[in-house]
Amino acid sequence: MLYNVYCDETCHLEHDGINVMVLGAVWCPQSKLKDINQRIRQIKERNGVSPTMELKWTKISPAKIDMYRDIVNYYFDDDDLHFRAVIIPDKSKLDHQHFNQTHDDWYYKMYFDMLKVIFNPTDRYEVYIDIKDSNSYRKAQKLKEVCSNSMYDFSQSIIQRLQPIRSDEVQIMQLVDILIGAVGYENRVFPEDFKKSPAKQEIIDLIKGRSGYTMTKTTLLREEKLNLLSWDARGNNE
């Protein structure tokens, strides 16, 4: 089977003042991709939004809550769609010097920890990451090398492609942004005077209800709909 895997990240900078970091991916059979992208466009149109409008976690508001609710429900209703995320709940505990590594070294290790549960050695994968900046192409090649070598896939036959794409041009990539945004928001420690968004909280509650998970703890390894790893720098994964 050939699968497409769409990856994104949130709060990945080491010193951005935010406690949490999330790496996540949505994957599906490549043969189903056209239908999935079409369904997402239809949901936008049904809610009076242009199919070219980019869905993002940061754009969730009371005015558009019905559309984002429809998107989340569609994700849980479609058996061909799967989601995996690694949560780093407290970046302040990172001690790269102790492990003789840079933040970049650790970042690629975390990316592989996120992806390795998705990969099956008997299947083939095309992996796409969201373009963040001019370093995205270098990052993609480094990640492909790290993943292939970690799986002893030196011929790079399991991961057939790993390249950056623009999330606003690919419907399914926008779904990744929403899901990792929700996971990040639920695991974030906000200042006492911070007013949480009721619309975003409603989407989080919907995800919790549909999945049966809290979104803050590690799920079963075989979970395919909301597969989470809460990673602890001390090795005590929760």
Protein backbone atom coordinates (compact mmCIF):
# COMPACT_ATOMS: atom_id res chain seq x y z
CA MET A 1 0.00 0.00 0.00
CA LEU A 2 1.19 3.52 -0.82
CA TYR A 3 0.36 6.16 1.80
CA ASN A 4 0.64 9.93 1.87
CA VAL A 5 1.76 11.41 5.21
CA TYR A 6 1.29 15.13 5.94
CA CYS A 7 3.34 16.60 8.78
CA ASP A 8 3.34 19.88 10.68
CA GLU A 9 4.61 21.30 13.94
CA THR A 10 3.69 24.01 16.41
CA CYS A 11 5.75 25.91 18.99
CA HIS A 12 8.93 24.10 17.87
CA LEU A 13 11.38 26.88 18.75
CA GLU A 14 13.42 26.22 21.87
CA HIS A 15 13.11 29.65 23.52
CA ASP A 16 9.74 31.01 22.36
CA GLY A 17 8.27 31.37 25.85
CA ILE A 18 5.70 28.62 25.26
CA ASN A 19 5.91 25.47 27.37
CA VAL A 20 4.63 22.94 24.85
CA MET A 21 5.75 21.70 21.44
CA VAL A 22 3.76 19.38 19.16
CA LEU A 23 4.81 17.41 16.08
CA GLY A 24 1.96 15.74 14.22
CA ALA A 25 0.90 13.98 11.04
CA VAL A 26 -2.24 12.92 9.23
CA TRP A 27 -1.94 10.00 6.83
CA CYS A 28 -4.17 8.20 4.34
CA PRO A 29 -3.93 5.81 1.38
CA GLN A 30 -2.78 7.78 -1.64
CA SER A 31 -5.66 6.30 -3.64
CA LYS A 32 -8.14 8.06 -1.31
CA LEU A 33 -6.46 11.47 -1.36
CA LYS A 34 -8.53 12.98 -4.18
CA ASP A 35 -11.81 12.07 -2.46
CA ILE A 36 -10.61 13.41 0.91
CA ASN A 37 -9.50 16.75 -0.52
CA GLN A 38 -12.83 17.02 -2.35
CA ARG A 39 -14.78 16.37 0.84
CA ILE A 40 -12.89 19.12 2.66
CA ARG A 41 -13.61 21.56 -0.18
CA GLN A 42 -17.30 20.61 -0.02
CA ILE A 43 -17.40 21.30 3.71
CA LYS A 44 -15.98 24.77 3.09
CA GLU A 45 -18.52 25.48 0.33
CA ARG A 46 -21.40 24.20 2.47
CA ASN A 47 -20.38 26.72 5.14
CA GLY A 48 -20.19 29.61 2.68
CA VAL A 49 -16.40 29.68 2.45
CA SER A 50 -14.24 29.64 -0.65
CA PRO A 51 -12.53 26.26 -1.26
CA THR A 52 -9.24 28.17 -1.54
CA MET A 53 -9.52 29.62 1.97
CA GLU A 54 -6.92 28.07 4.28
CA LEU A 55 -8.25 26.44 7.42
CA LYS A 56 -6.02 27.04 10.43
CA TRP A 57 -6.27 26.53 14.17
CA THR A 58 -5.48 30.22 14.71
CA LYS A 59 -8.48 31.21 12.55
CA ILE A 60 -11.10 29.38 14.62
CA SER A 61 -13.77 31.85 15.77
CA PRO A 62 -17.43 31.78 16.83
CA ALA A 63 -18.43 32.92 13.32
CA LYS A 64 -16.84 29.86 11.70
CA ILE A 65 -17.31 27.30 14.46
CA ASP A 66 -19.82 25.23 12.45
CA MET A 67 -17.31 24.71 9.65
CA TYR A 68 -14.53 23.61 11.99
CA ARG A 69 -16.97 21.32 13.81
CA ASP A 70 -17.90 19.77 10.44
CA ILE A 71 -14.22 19.28 9.57
CA VAL A 72 -13.45 17.50 12.85
CA ASN A 73 -16.52 15.28 12.57
CA TYR A 74 -15.59 14.40 9.00
CA TYR A 75 -12.10 13.41 10.16
CA PHE A 76 -13.50 11.02 12.78
CA ASP A 77 -16.10 9.62 10.39
CA ASP A 78 -13.60 8.75 7.62
CA ASP A 79 -11.82 5.46 8.35
CA ASP A 80 -9.08 6.27 5.82
CA LEU A 81 -7.79 9.22 7.89
CA HIS A 82 -5.38 8.75 10.80
CA PHE A 83 -3.52 11.12 13.14
CA ARG A 84 -0.37 10.78 15.24
CA ALA A 85 1.31 13.42 17.42
CA VAL A 86 4.23 13.70 19.81
CA ILE A 87 3.70 16.18 22.63
CA ILE A 88 6.64 17.75 24.46
CA PRO A 89 4.73 19.24 27.43
CA ASP A 90 7.61 21.19 28.99
CA LYS A 91 10.47 22.44 26.80
CA SER A 92 12.16 24.00 29.85
CA LYS A 93 13.25 20.50 30.92
CA LEU A 94 15.30 19.96 27.75
CA ASP A 95 19.01 19.50 28.48
CA HIS A 96 20.70 19.15 25.11
CA GLN A 97 24.17 19.74 26.53
CA HIS A 98 23.83 16.71 28.81
CA PHE A 99 23.09 14.50 25.80
CA ASN A 100 25.75 16.17 23.63
CA GLN A 101 23.24 17.28 21.02
CA THR A 102 21.88 20.45 19.50
CA HIS A 103 18.23 21.44 19.50
CA ASP A 104 18.17 20.53 15.80
CA ASP A 105 19.59 17.04 16.53
CA TRP A 106 16.89 16.47 19.12
CA TYR A 107 14.21 17.90 16.82
CA TYR A 108 14.93 15.27 14.15
CA LYS A 109 14.89 12.51 16.76
CA MET A 110 11.46 13.67 17.89
CA TYR A 111 10.24 13.81 14.30
CA PHE A 112 11.35 10.21 13.82
CA ASP A 113 9.65 9.19 17.08
CA MET A 114 6.46 10.71 15.69
CA LEU A 115 6.76 9.02 12.28
CA LYS A 116 8.10 5.58 13.23
CA VAL A 117 4.75 4.40 14.57
CA ILE A 118 3.15 5.26 11.22
CA PHE A 119 5.64 3.41 9.03
CA ASN A 120 5.20 -0.25 8.16
CA PRO A 121 8.19 -1.85 6.39
CA THR A 122 5.90 -3.66 3.95
CA ASP A 123 4.24 -0.42 2.77
CA ARG A 124 5.51 2.66 0.96
CA TYR A 125 5.18 6.30 1.94
CA GLU A 126 5.34 9.78 0.48
CA VAL A 127 5.88 12.30 3.28
CA TYR A 128 5.13 16.01 3.02
CA ILE A 129 6.03 18.74 5.52
CA ASP A 130 4.64 22.26 5.70
CA ILE A 131 6.93 24.95 4.28
CA LYS A 132 7.90 27.24 7.16
CA ASP A 133 10.88 29.15 5.79
CA SER A 134 13.85 28.97 3.44
CA ASN A 135 15.31 26.11 5.52
CA SER A 136 12.35 23.79 4.83
CA TYR A 137 14.01 22.05 1.88
CA ARG A 138 17.21 21.37 3.83
CA LYS A 139 15.12 20.15 6.77
CA ALA A 140 13.17 17.79 4.50
CA GLN A 141 16.31 16.15 3.13
CA LYS A 142 17.84 15.80 6.59
CA LEU A 143 14.64 14.26 7.93
CA LYS A 144 14.46 11.78 5.06
CA GLU A 145 18.05 10.73 5.76
CA VAL A 146 17.43 10.36 9.51
CA CYS A 147 14.21 8.35 9.05
CA SER A 148 15.60 6.05 6.36
CA ASN A 149 18.82 5.33 8.27
CA SER A 150 16.94 4.76 11.53
CA MET A 151 14.84 2.08 9.79
CA TYR A 152 17.90 0.61 8.04
CA ASP A 153 16.15 1.62 4.82
CA PHE A 154 19.40 2.67 3.20
CA SER A 155 17.96 2.21 -0.29
CA GLN A 156 15.17 4.64 0.74
CA SER A 157 12.46 2.36 -0.66
CA ILE A 158 10.03 2.70 2.26
CA ILE A 159 10.05 6.51 2.27
CA GLN A 160 9.84 7.18 -1.44
CA ARG A 161 9.50 10.92 -1.14
CA LEU A 162 9.88 13.55 1.57
CA GLN A 163 9.39 17.13 0.49
CA PRO A 164 7.99 20.47 1.67
CA ILE A 165 4.65 21.74 0.37
CA ARG A 166 2.51 24.80 1.01
CA SER A 167 -0.33 24.01 3.43
CA ASP A 168 -2.66 26.55 1.83
CA GLU A 169 -2.49 24.58 -1.42
CA VAL A 170 -3.30 21.14 0.04
CA GLN A 171 -6.63 20.60 1.77
CA ILE A 172 -5.58 17.67 3.94
CA MET A 173 -2.54 19.57 5.29
CA GLN A 174 -4.96 22.08 6.79
CA LEU A 175 -6.50 19.25 8.79
CA VAL A 176 -3.08 18.57 10.35
CA ASP A 177 -2.85 22.22 11.44
CA ILE A 178 -6.21 22.04 13.19
CA LEU A 179 -5.46 18.81 15.04
CA ILE A 180 -1.96 19.74 16.25
CA GLY A 181 -3.27 23.19 17.15
CA ALA A 182 -5.92 21.60 19.35
CA VAL A 183 -3.40 19.27 21.01
CA GLY A 184 -1.00 22.14 21.61
CA TYR A 185 -3.72 24.40 23.04
CA GLU A 186 -4.92 21.69 25.43
CA ASN A 187 -1.37 21.11 26.72
CA ARG A 188 -0.34 24.76 26.94
CA VAL A 189 0.14 26.57 30.23
CA PHE A 190 -1.37 30.05 29.83
CA PRO A 191 -0.82 33.11 32.02
CA GLU A 192 -3.43 33.53 34.77
CA ASP A 193 -5.02 36.52 33.05
CA PHE A 194 -5.23 34.80 29.65
CA LYS A 195 -8.77 34.43 28.28
CA LYS A 196 -9.15 31.16 26.40
CA SER A 197 -11.16 31.08 23.19
CA PRO A 198 -14.58 29.47 23.77
CA ALA A 199 -14.69 28.45 20.08
CA LYS A 200 -11.33 26.69 20.27
CA GLN A 201 -12.34 25.02 23.53
CA GLU A 202 -15.50 23.75 21.84
CA ILE A 203 -13.41 22.10 19.10
CA ILE A 204 -11.13 20.55 21.75
CA ASP A 205 -14.15 19.19 23.61
CA LEU A 206 -15.47 17.74 20.35
CA ILE A 207 -12.15 15.97 19.68
CA LYS A 208 -12.12 14.62 23.24
CA GLY A 209 -15.67 13.36 22.89
CA ARG A 210 -15.13 11.71 19.52
CA SER A 211 -11.80 10.12 20.47
CA GLY A 212 -12.39 9.25 24.12
CA TYR A 213 -8.96 10.64 25.05
CA THR A 214 -7.87 13.58 27.22
CA MET A 215 -5.31 14.82 24.63
CA THR A 216 -2.69 15.20 27.38
CA LYS A 217 -1.59 11.60 27.92
CA THR A 218 0.00 8.86 25.84
CA THR A 219 -2.52 6.62 24.09
CA LEU A 220 -2.22 2.97 23.14
CA LEU A 221 0.49 2.39 20.55
CA ARG A 222 -1.99 0.82 18.11
CA GLU A 223 -4.47 3.69 18.32
CA GLU A 224 -4.93 5.04 14.79
CA LYS A 225 -7.45 7.87 15.11
CA LEU A 226 -5.81 9.95 17.86
CA ASN A 227 -2.42 8.39 18.51
CA LEU A 228 -0.49 10.47 21.06
CA LEU A 229 2.88 10.23 22.79
CA SER A 230 3.45 12.60 25.69
CA TRP A 231 7.25 12.78 25.77
CA ASP A 232 9.12 13.52 29.00
CA ALA A 233 12.74 14.66 28.88
CA ARG A 234 13.36 12.49 31.97
CA GLY A 235 12.13 9.39 30.15
CA ASN A 236 8.84 9.04 32.01
CA ASN A 237 6.38 9.16 29.09
CA GLU A 238 2.86 9.68 30.37
